[in-house]
Protein backbone atom coordinates (compact mmCIF):
# COMPACT_ATOMS: atom_id res chain seq x y z
CA MET A 1 48.77 -53.75 -88.20
CA THR A 2 48.93 -57.35 -87.12
CA ALA A 3 51.19 -58.79 -84.42
CA TYR A 4 53.04 -61.77 -85.87
CA ARG A 5 55.38 -63.97 -83.86
CA LEU A 6 58.86 -64.94 -85.02
CA PHE A 7 60.40 -68.06 -83.49
CA CYS A 8 64.03 -69.05 -84.13
CA LEU A 9 64.82 -72.71 -83.51
CA ASP A 10 68.00 -74.74 -82.98
CA HIS A 11 68.85 -78.26 -84.21
CA SER A 12 66.68 -79.76 -81.45
CA ARG A 13 63.77 -77.53 -82.53
CA LYS A 14 64.02 -75.65 -79.24
CA ILE A 15 63.19 -71.95 -79.39
CA THR A 16 66.34 -69.86 -79.12
CA HIS A 17 64.66 -66.53 -79.77
CA ALA A 18 61.10 -65.22 -79.95
CA GLU A 19 59.99 -61.79 -81.08
CA LEU A 20 56.79 -59.93 -81.97
CA LEU A 21 56.69 -58.41 -85.44
CA GLU A 22 54.19 -55.69 -86.30
CA ALA A 23 53.31 -55.93 -90.00
CA MET A 24 50.53 -54.97 -92.39
CA ASP A 25 50.34 -58.42 -93.99
CA ASP A 26 52.05 -61.81 -94.32
CA SER A 27 54.51 -60.57 -96.95
CA GLU A 28 55.77 -57.75 -94.75
CA ALA A 29 56.04 -60.08 -91.74
CA ILE A 30 58.12 -62.53 -93.80
CA SER A 31 60.42 -59.73 -94.98
CA LEU A 32 60.93 -58.48 -91.43
CA ALA A 33 61.64 -62.00 -90.18
CA GLN A 34 64.19 -62.70 -92.91
CA ALA A 35 65.99 -59.45 -92.08
CA ALA A 36 66.25 -60.32 -88.36
CA PRO A 37 69.89 -60.72 -87.27
CA PHE A 38 69.50 -64.03 -85.44
CA ASP A 39 71.47 -67.19 -86.14
CA ALA A 40 69.10 -70.13 -86.19
CA VAL A 41 68.67 -73.42 -87.99
CA THR A 42 65.02 -72.69 -88.74
CA CYS A 43 62.74 -69.70 -88.25
CA GLU A 44 58.95 -69.66 -88.20
CA VAL A 45 56.49 -66.80 -88.53
CA TRP A 46 53.08 -67.28 -86.90
CA ASP A 47 49.82 -65.33 -87.07
CA VAL A 48 48.05 -66.40 -83.86
CA ASP A 49 47.78 -70.19 -84.36
CA HIS A 50 48.46 -70.20 -88.11
CA LEU A 51 51.95 -70.93 -89.44
CA VAL A 52 52.61 -68.28 -92.10
CA THR A 53 56.03 -69.55 -93.18
CA ARG A 54 59.04 -71.57 -92.14
CA PHE A 55 62.48 -70.83 -93.56
CA GLU A 56 66.08 -71.84 -93.07
CA GLY A 57 68.19 -69.68 -90.78
CA ARG A 58 70.47 -66.90 -91.94
CA ASN A 59 72.72 -69.27 -93.89
CA GLY A 60 69.76 -70.73 -95.76
CA GLY A 61 66.91 -69.10 -97.59
CA ALA A 62 64.42 -71.74 -98.76
CA ILE A 63 60.94 -70.52 -97.90
CA HIS A 64 57.88 -72.67 -97.29
CA GLY A 65 54.51 -71.19 -96.45
CA ARG A 66 50.97 -70.48 -97.45
């Protein structure tokens, strides 16, 4: 298991929520992050210092990543 970090950001790109996600791989971490019940403009999933993906908040859904 890998500890990924989920960051939820507001319009000013300030972190409104941060959470550790334990996942087997990037795909599982992305799924867990998308299921998180947090309202945010943007969410990011990080593996240490590597951005795995960035996606729109709960009202969005466009995914960008590796």
